[in-house]
Amino acid sequence: MSVTPETLREPAAEANGRPVRPLSRLAIVLLMALGTLGQLALNIILPSLPAIGAELNVVPGGERLVLSVFLLGFASSQLLVGPLSDRFGRRRILIPGLALYALLGGAAALTASIEWLLAARLFQGLGAAAGFVIARAIARDMFQGAELVKVFGLLTLTMGITPGIAPIVGGFVQDYVGWEANMAITMVMGAVMFVLCFAAMPETGTPSNQRISPAGVAYNYVSIFRDRTFRRFAGTNALTLGSLYAFHSGGPELMINHLGLSPSSFGFLALLHSSAFMVGAATVSSFSARFSDTSTVIILNALVMFGSGLAMLVLTLSGYASVVTIMIFMVSFGFSLGAIMPLGVAGALSPFKTSAGTATALLGALQMSAGAAASAVVAAFPEIPGIAFPVVIMVMTGAAALNARPSKTEIAREENIHD
């Protein structure tokens, strides 16, 4: 069964005590676009990192903190966005979050120091989290079972499009205008999404009368994290996705400064990796109903990612690393990552219905925290990016393959995802 907006319009939730209307075509398109805001802000700036370091007189490797602080804000704020959206509804948190994302994109474009740029990126990450968390929470509100895997496959596809296109746009903008214009693009995108979501995105959650307290929020997160199925799927997703940000941190330095690519050429190469990611997500989405053992699929793809990292490390140490050889293994890495993401997200969220926003937030926070840690570790070794990011990839994907193994009691539960 192909995945299109028309196949994903079955109501499966109530909001404010009444059935939710099927999502309109525009609402589904917006749902797909919401999860890309963070990817846009992360990837459009990749070709600009060397220029930011040079223009703002940053210590070697310090420009990569532009990625790390965004991921930190993105991760930490999800822990707040999720419970707030469960308590007050999806729209009441989504709309202000989009406004914050747009405003801080403008602030980042106007700054003239690395300190203010990092501050703007940190708080822009807070706004991006609203789109990321609430897009997934709305999907969980409206779909279940195999349909939930399919819709997350579609969301993963759209999240793969942005990392492919954004570096190309960012590279040309960097070549002809400068990094400030790339930040301004995120402002414009945030403003457009604010207007469209305000007009067309319905409320799909059921607001609660329960008061939010720090102790209560912490208890909810602990309760979700204690679920073995959640820990397994969410941990595996966090480790595999986090390993991608190791490449994002070291890849531009290796390709542009060490291997001599222009920023715009780097953007086109990133499209190859993102295309492979989308193919992997589309493959899993198309065949999701046929998988009787999703854990095996995840483990095999995590091992492919590990092998890709090992191959890139061997190439660097042997002196045979080149643009072509690195990208060959990043393409295989991207396909397997795209295959893992929909299965991991659906598996992690499947045990939760009324707390979908909180579970989504914890899942996203784990993913972005892993990404922030990976990029920070690679940034700590600015002179050897071709060694640093493959090693981090190997460590994280190897751990993911081990973590993905199910217990006996989980096997039957996992099969229910596709019933």
Protein backbone atom coordinates (compact mmCIF):
# COMPACT_ATOMS: atom_id res chain seq x y z
CA MET A 1 0.00 0.00 0.00
CA SER A 2 1.44 3.37 -0.97
CA VAL A 3 1.57 6.15 1.57
CA THR A 4 -0.16 9.33 0.45
CA PRO A 5 -2.20 11.99 2.26
CA GLU A 6 -5.37 10.28 1.07
CA THR A 7 -4.41 7.01 2.78
CA LEU A 8 -3.76 8.72 6.11
CA ARG A 9 -7.03 10.47 6.84
CA GLU A 10 -8.74 8.05 9.19
CA PRO A 11 -9.76 9.65 12.54
CA ALA A 12 -8.44 7.85 15.58
CA ALA A 13 -8.75 10.33 18.44
CA GLU A 14 -10.96 12.67 20.40
CA ALA A 15 -10.22 16.22 21.48
CA ASN A 16 -12.21 18.11 24.11
CA GLY A 17 -14.60 15.18 24.34
CA ARG A 18 -15.54 15.05 20.65
CA PRO A 19 -14.20 13.10 17.66
CA VAL A 20 -11.44 14.77 15.72
CA ARG A 21 -12.17 15.45 12.06
CA PRO A 22 -9.93 13.65 9.58
CA LEU A 23 -6.90 15.79 8.85
CA SER A 24 -7.24 17.90 5.74
CA ARG A 25 -4.72 17.54 2.95
CA LEU A 26 -3.11 20.82 3.94
CA ALA A 27 -2.91 19.75 7.60
CA ILE A 28 -1.16 16.53 6.63
CA VAL A 29 1.33 18.44 4.50
CA LEU A 30 1.95 20.80 7.41
CA LEU A 31 2.38 17.82 9.73
CA MET A 32 5.08 16.51 7.41
CA ALA A 33 6.75 19.94 7.23
CA LEU A 34 6.77 20.59 10.99
CA GLY A 35 9.35 17.93 11.67
CA THR A 36 11.72 19.50 9.13
CA LEU A 37 12.22 22.83 10.92
CA GLY A 38 14.97 21.49 13.12
CA GLN A 39 16.60 19.76 10.16
CA LEU A 40 16.50 23.01 8.19
CA ALA A 41 18.22 24.99 10.93
CA LEU A 42 20.84 22.27 11.39
CA ASN A 43 21.66 21.50 7.77
CA ILE A 44 21.43 24.83 5.99
CA ILE A 45 24.30 26.11 8.10
CA LEU A 46 26.66 23.16 7.47
CA PRO A 47 28.41 24.67 4.42
CA SER A 48 28.82 27.92 6.39
CA LEU A 49 30.66 26.47 9.38
CA PRO A 50 34.21 27.16 8.09
CA ALA A 51 33.19 30.72 7.15
CA ILE A 52 31.60 31.33 10.57
CA GLY A 53 34.82 30.21 12.22
CA ALA A 54 36.89 32.54 10.06
CA GLU A 55 34.63 35.61 10.12
CA LEU A 56 33.89 35.52 13.85
CA ASN A 57 37.48 34.65 14.85
CA VAL A 58 36.48 31.42 16.56
CA VAL A 59 39.06 29.04 18.00
CA PRO A 60 39.58 25.93 15.80
CA GLY A 61 36.57 23.64 16.15
CA GLY A 62 34.55 26.22 18.06
CA GLU A 63 32.27 26.96 15.09
CA ARG A 64 30.86 23.43 15.41
CA LEU A 65 29.23 24.49 18.66
CA VAL A 66 26.69 26.22 16.41
CA LEU A 67 25.35 22.70 15.88
CA SER A 68 25.82 21.47 19.45
CA VAL A 69 23.99 24.31 21.18
CA PHE A 70 21.07 24.08 18.77
CA LEU A 71 20.80 20.37 19.48
CA LEU A 72 21.03 21.07 23.21
CA GLY A 73 18.13 23.52 23.05
CA PHE A 74 16.23 21.19 20.74
CA ALA A 75 16.68 18.26 23.14
CA SER A 76 16.04 19.97 26.47
CA SER A 77 12.92 21.87 25.45
CA GLN A 78 11.22 18.73 24.20
CA LEU A 79 11.01 17.58 27.80
CA LEU A 80 8.83 20.63 28.47
CA VAL A 81 6.91 20.77 25.18
CA GLY A 82 5.61 17.21 25.49
CA PRO A 83 3.90 17.50 28.89
CA LEU A 84 2.58 20.97 28.05
CA SER A 85 0.98 19.68 24.86
CA ASP A 86 -0.64 16.80 26.77
CA ARG A 87 -1.94 19.25 29.38
CA PHE A 88 -3.07 22.21 27.26
CA GLY A 89 -3.45 20.75 23.76
CA ARG A 90 -1.25 20.63 20.69
CA ARG A 91 -2.09 24.01 19.10
CA ARG A 92 -1.52 26.10 22.23
CA ILE A 93 2.09 24.97 22.36
CA LEU A 94 2.77 24.65 18.63
CA ILE A 95 1.88 28.21 17.61
CA PRO A 96 4.08 30.05 20.17
CA GLY A 97 6.90 27.61 19.44
CA LEU A 98 6.83 28.46 15.74
CA ALA A 99 6.90 32.17 16.59
CA LEU A 100 9.98 31.64 18.78
CA TYR A 101 11.72 29.69 16.02
CA ALA A 102 11.15 32.49 13.51
CA LEU A 103 12.19 35.31 15.83
CA LEU A 104 15.42 33.64 16.90
CA GLY A 105 16.29 32.84 13.29
CA GLY A 106 16.15 36.57 12.65
CA ALA A 107 18.24 37.27 15.73
CA ALA A 108 20.90 34.78 14.58
CA ALA A 109 21.03 36.51 11.18
CA LEU A 110 21.73 39.88 12.80
CA THR A 111 24.39 38.88 15.33
CA ALA A 112 28.03 39.84 14.91
CA SER A 113 29.66 37.68 17.62
CA ILE A 114 29.94 33.97 18.25
CA GLU A 115 28.53 34.37 21.76
CA TRP A 116 25.28 35.94 20.57
CA LEU A 117 25.05 33.52 17.67
CA LEU A 118 25.29 30.57 20.05
CA ALA A 119 22.66 32.10 22.32
CA ALA A 120 20.28 32.66 19.40
CA ARG A 121 20.83 29.12 18.14
CA LEU A 122 20.18 27.69 21.60
CA PHE A 123 16.80 29.37 21.89
CA GLN A 124 15.91 28.72 18.26
CA GLY A 125 16.33 25.05 19.14
CA LEU A 126 13.70 25.53 21.84
CA GLY A 127 11.22 26.71 19.21
CA ALA A 128 12.09 23.97 16.74
CA ALA A 129 11.25 21.36 19.37
CA ALA A 130 7.59 22.38 19.31
CA GLY A 131 7.22 21.42 15.66
CA PHE A 132 9.17 18.20 16.06
CA VAL A 133 7.36 16.91 19.15
CA ILE A 134 3.86 17.99 18.22
CA ALA A 135 4.05 16.62 14.67
CA ARG A 136 4.72 13.18 16.11
CA ALA A 137 2.16 13.59 18.89
CA ILE A 138 -0.55 14.51 16.37
CA ALA A 139 0.36 11.45 14.32
CA ARG A 140 0.05 9.29 17.44
CA ASP A 141 -3.30 10.96 18.22
CA MET A 142 -4.70 10.08 14.82
CA PHE A 143 -3.20 6.72 13.80
CA GLN A 144 -2.28 3.34 15.25
CA GLY A 145 -0.88 -0.07 14.32
CA ALA A 146 0.52 -0.50 10.82
CA GLU A 147 -0.92 2.90 9.85
CA LEU A 148 1.21 4.48 12.56
CA VAL A 149 4.35 2.91 11.09
CA LYS A 150 3.33 4.18 7.65
CA VAL A 151 2.74 7.74 8.79
CA PHE A 152 6.05 7.79 10.65
CA GLY A 153 7.64 6.47 7.49
CA LEU A 154 6.16 9.45 5.66
CA LEU A 155 7.39 11.86 8.34
CA THR A 156 10.84 10.28 8.12
CA LEU A 157 10.80 10.73 4.35
CA THR A 158 10.09 14.43 4.64
CA MET A 159 12.74 14.81 7.34
CA GLY A 160 15.15 13.24 4.87
CA ILE A 161 14.30 15.71 2.12
CA THR A 162 15.43 18.73 4.11
CA PRO A 163 18.97 17.47 4.90
CA GLY A 164 19.33 16.82 1.16
CA ILE A 165 18.14 20.19 -0.07
CA ALA A 166 19.19 22.51 2.78
CA PRO A 167 22.98 22.08 2.35
CA ILE A 168 22.64 22.75 -1.39
CA VAL A 169 20.72 25.95 -0.73
CA GLY A 170 23.03 26.82 2.13
CA GLY A 171 26.12 26.22 0.00
CA PHE A 172 24.99 28.55 -2.78
CA VAL A 173 23.83 31.16 -0.29
CA GLN A 174 27.20 30.95 1.47
CA ASP A 175 29.11 31.27 -1.80
CA TYR A 176 27.17 34.32 -3.00
CA VAL A 177 25.70 36.04 0.10
CA GLY A 178 26.97 34.70 3.42
CA TRP A 179 25.97 32.69 6.46
CA GLU A 180 23.69 35.43 7.80
CA ALA A 181 21.33 34.87 4.88
CA ASN A 182 21.11 31.19 5.76
CA MET A 183 19.89 32.14 9.22
CA ALA A 184 17.37 34.53 7.66
CA ILE A 185 15.96 31.63 5.61
CA THR A 186 15.08 29.80 8.82
CA MET A 187 13.27 32.92 10.01
CA VAL A 188 11.16 33.05 6.85
CA MET A 189 10.33 29.35 7.02
CA GLY A 190 9.27 29.67 10.65
CA ALA A 191 7.04 32.63 9.86
CA VAL A 192 5.34 30.81 6.97
CA MET A 193 4.70 27.73 9.13
CA PHE A 194 3.33 29.93 11.91
CA VAL A 195 0.73 31.46 9.59
CA LEU A 196 -0.29 28.19 7.92
CA CYS A 197 -0.53 26.16 11.14
CA PHE A 198 -2.51 28.92 12.82
CA ALA A 199 -5.01 28.74 9.96
CA ALA A 200 -5.19 25.03 9.16
CA MET A 201 -3.86 22.74 11.92
CA PRO A 202 -6.70 21.41 14.14
CA GLU A 203 -6.48 20.45 17.78
CA THR A 204 -6.11 16.66 18.01
CA GLY A 205 -5.17 16.22 21.66
CA THR A 206 -7.42 16.04 24.71
CA PRO A 207 -6.39 18.75 27.18
CA SER A 208 -6.15 17.54 30.77
CA ASN A 209 -7.26 19.23 33.97
CA GLN A 210 -4.34 17.77 35.88
CA ARG A 211 -1.93 20.37 37.20
CA ILE A 212 1.63 20.27 35.94
CA SER A 213 4.27 20.09 38.66
CA PRO A 214 7.98 19.36 38.37
CA ALA A 215 7.55 16.23 40.46
CA GLY A 216 4.62 15.05 38.36
CA VAL A 217 6.46 15.66 35.09
CA ALA A 218 9.51 13.83 36.38
CA TYR A 219 7.35 10.91 37.53
CA ASN A 220 5.73 10.67 34.08
CA TYR A 221 9.09 10.62 32.36
CA VAL A 222 10.42 7.99 34.74
CA SER A 223 7.30 5.87 34.18
CA ILE A 224 7.73 6.03 30.41
CA PHE A 225 11.46 5.34 30.58
CA ARG A 226 10.86 2.30 32.80
CA ASP A 227 8.99 0.66 29.94
CA ARG A 228 11.48 -1.81 28.46
CA THR A 229 10.03 -1.56 24.95
CA PHE A 230 10.34 2.23 25.01
CA ARG A 231 13.93 2.08 26.25
CA ARG A 232 14.92 -0.40 23.59
CA PHE A 233 13.40 1.38 20.60
CA ALA A 234 14.08 4.91 21.81
CA GLY A 235 17.65 4.13 22.83
CA THR A 236 18.40 2.49 19.50
CA ASN A 237 16.93 5.43 17.59
CA ALA A 238 18.88 7.92 19.69
CA LEU A 239 22.19 6.15 19.15
CA THR A 240 21.77 5.68 15.41
CA LEU A 241 20.44 9.17 14.72
CA GLY A 242 23.01 10.68 17.07
CA SER A 243 25.77 9.08 15.04
CA LEU A 244 24.63 11.09 12.01
CA TYR A 245 25.51 14.32 13.82
CA ALA A 246 29.05 13.06 14.21
CA PHE A 247 29.31 13.31 10.42
CA HIS A 248 27.55 16.67 10.44
CA SER A 249 30.18 17.97 12.86
CA GLY A 250 33.25 16.56 11.12
CA GLY A 251 32.10 16.12 7.53
CA PRO A 252 32.18 19.79 6.44
CA GLU A 253 35.67 20.26 7.89
CA LEU A 254 36.94 17.12 6.16
CA MET A 255 35.27 17.76 2.80
CA ILE A 256 35.75 21.53 2.51
CA ASN A 257 39.03 22.29 4.31
CA HIS A 258 40.86 18.97 3.92
CA LEU A 259 39.57 17.64 0.59
CA GLY A 260 39.07 20.99 -1.13
CA LEU A 261 35.33 21.06 -1.89
CA SER A 262 33.45 24.33 -2.24
CA PRO A 263 30.49 24.85 0.12
CA SER A 264 28.02 24.47 -2.77
CA SER A 265 29.63 21.21 -3.90
CA PHE A 266 29.39 19.87 -0.36
CA GLY A 267 25.67 20.59 -0.46
CA PHE A 268 25.19 18.44 -3.55
CA LEU A 269 27.07 15.56 -1.94
CA ALA A 270 24.85 15.80 1.13
CA LEU A 271 21.89 15.24 -1.19
CA LEU A 272 23.24 11.76 -2.01
CA HIS A 273 23.23 10.78 1.64
CA SER A 274 19.77 12.24 2.21
CA SER A 275 18.39 10.50 -0.87
CA ALA A 276 19.63 7.18 0.48
CA PHE A 277 17.98 8.03 3.81
CA MET A 278 14.67 8.66 2.06
CA VAL A 279 14.91 5.44 0.06
CA GLY A 280 15.49 3.51 3.28
CA ALA A 281 12.48 5.14 4.95
CA ALA A 282 10.29 4.56 1.88
CA THR A 283 11.30 0.91 1.73
CA VAL A 284 10.37 0.31 5.36
CA SER A 285 7.14 2.26 4.99
CA SER A 286 6.09 0.22 1.96
CA PHE A 287 6.85 -3.16 3.55
CA SER A 288 6.00 -2.37 7.19
CA ALA A 289 2.99 -4.71 7.29
CA ARG A 290 5.16 -7.62 6.13
CA PHE A 291 7.77 -7.38 8.89
CA SER A 292 7.24 -10.08 11.49
CA ASP A 293 10.43 -9.19 13.38
CA THR A 294 11.25 -5.51 13.34
CA SER A 295 14.08 -5.96 15.83
CA THR A 296 16.09 -8.05 13.38
CA VAL A 297 15.57 -5.41 10.68
CA ILE A 298 16.83 -2.72 13.05
CA ILE A 299 19.85 -4.74 14.22
CA LEU A 300 20.96 -5.61 10.68
CA ASN A 301 20.76 -1.98 9.59
CA ALA A 302 22.64 -0.80 12.70
CA LEU A 303 25.41 -3.24 11.80
CA VAL A 304 25.53 -1.83 8.26
CA MET A 305 26.00 1.63 9.78
CA PHE A 306 28.77 0.28 12.01
CA GLY A 307 30.47 -1.24 8.98
CA SER A 308 30.25 2.07 7.12
CA GLY A 309 31.96 3.87 9.99
CA LEU A 310 34.67 1.21 10.14
CA ALA A 311 35.29 1.47 6.40
CA MET A 312 35.65 5.28 6.58
CA LEU A 313 38.07 4.97 9.48
CA VAL A 314 40.22 2.46 7.57
CA LEU A 315 40.22 4.72 4.51
CA THR A 316 41.42 7.69 6.55
CA LEU A 317 44.11 5.79 8.42
CA SER A 318 45.40 4.20 5.20
CA GLY A 319 45.52 7.51 3.35
CA TYR A 320 42.90 6.50 0.76
CA ALA A 321 40.08 8.74 1.99
CA SER A 322 38.55 10.78 -0.81
CA VAL A 323 35.27 12.52 -1.51
CA VAL A 324 34.06 9.54 -3.56
CA THR A 325 35.03 6.83 -1.09
CA ILE A 326 33.63 8.66 1.94
CA MET A 327 30.33 9.35 0.18
CA ILE A 328 29.96 5.72 -0.93
CA PHE A 329 29.86 4.62 2.69
CA MET A 330 27.76 7.60 3.82
CA VAL A 331 25.14 6.53 1.26
CA SER A 332 24.95 3.02 2.75
CA PHE A 333 24.91 4.62 6.20
CA GLY A 334 22.01 6.87 5.17
CA PHE A 335 19.89 4.05 3.74
CA SER A 336 20.15 2.03 6.93
CA LEU A 337 19.43 5.04 9.13
CA GLY A 338 16.30 5.78 7.09
CA ALA A 339 15.19 2.16 7.51
CA ILE A 340 15.63 2.26 11.30
CA MET A 341 13.90 5.55 12.09
CA PRO A 342 10.21 4.74 11.35
CA LEU A 343 10.40 1.35 13.05
CA GLY A 344 12.09 2.83 16.10
CA VAL A 345 9.68 5.74 16.51
CA ALA A 346 6.56 3.60 16.05
CA GLY A 347 7.91 0.96 18.42
CA ALA A 348 8.81 3.48 21.11
CA LEU A 349 5.46 5.29 21.02
CA SER A 350 3.16 2.31 20.47
CA PRO A 351 2.63 1.58 24.20
CA PHE A 352 1.39 5.13 24.87
CA LYS A 353 -1.81 6.90 23.84
CA THR A 354 -2.91 9.53 26.35
CA SER A 355 0.70 10.48 27.09
CA ALA A 356 1.83 10.53 23.47
CA GLY A 357 3.19 14.07 23.75
CA THR A 358 5.30 13.25 26.81
CA ALA A 359 6.59 10.00 25.27
CA THR A 360 7.39 11.80 22.02
CA ALA A 361 9.24 14.49 23.94
CA LEU A 362 11.37 11.98 25.82
CA LEU A 363 12.12 10.13 22.59
CA GLY A 364 13.12 13.33 20.83
CA ALA A 365 15.18 14.57 23.77
CA LEU A 366 17.14 11.33 23.81
CA GLN A 367 17.77 11.60 20.06
CA MET A 368 18.90 15.20 20.12
CA SER A 369 20.99 14.71 23.28
CA ALA A 370 22.82 11.89 21.53
CA GLY A 371 23.34 14.16 18.53
CA ALA A 372 24.62 17.01 20.70
CA ALA A 373 27.05 14.66 22.47
CA ALA A 374 28.29 13.19 19.17
CA SER A 375 28.88 16.59 17.57
CA ALA A 376 30.62 17.92 20.70
CA VAL A 377 32.98 14.93 20.85
CA VAL A 378 33.94 15.35 17.19
CA ALA A 379 34.37 19.10 17.72
CA ALA A 380 36.90 18.34 20.45
CA PHE A 381 39.23 16.88 17.81
CA PRO A 382 39.32 19.60 15.11
CA GLU A 383 42.58 18.45 13.56
CA ILE A 384 41.45 14.88 12.78
CA PRO A 385 37.81 15.02 11.60
CA GLY A 386 38.33 12.03 9.29
CA ILE A 387 39.18 9.89 12.32
CA ALA A 388 36.91 11.46 14.93
CA PHE A 389 33.54 11.11 13.24
CA PRO A 390 33.98 7.49 12.04
CA VAL A 391 35.04 6.42 15.53
CA VAL A 392 31.98 8.06 17.09
CA ILE A 393 29.77 6.43 14.44
CA MET A 394 31.20 3.01 15.26
CA VAL A 395 30.77 3.40 19.01
CA MET A 396 27.17 4.61 18.77
CA THR A 397 25.92 2.20 16.12
CA GLY A 398 27.60 -0.76 17.78
CA ALA A 399 25.85 0.13 21.03
CA ALA A 400 22.58 0.53 19.10
CA ALA A 401 22.81 -2.98 17.66
CA LEU A 402 23.31 -4.41 21.15
CA ASN A 403 20.49 -2.35 22.64
CA ALA A 404 18.00 -3.37 19.92
CA ARG A 405 17.83 -7.01 21.02
CA PRO A 406 14.35 -7.74 22.49
CA SER A 407 13.56 -9.76 25.58
CA LYS A 408 11.29 -12.77 25.21
CA THR A 409 8.34 -10.95 26.73
CA GLU A 410 8.65 -8.12 24.21
CA ILE A 411 8.47 -10.24 21.08
CA ALA A 412 4.71 -10.75 21.25
CA ARG A 413 4.13 -7.11 22.14
CA GLU A 414 6.23 -5.91 19.19
CA GLU A 415 4.13 -7.96 16.80
CA ASN A 416 1.05 -5.99 17.91
CA ILE A 417 2.46 -2.89 16.21
CA HIS A 418 1.52 -4.41 12.86
CA ASP A 419 -1.81 -6.05 13.79
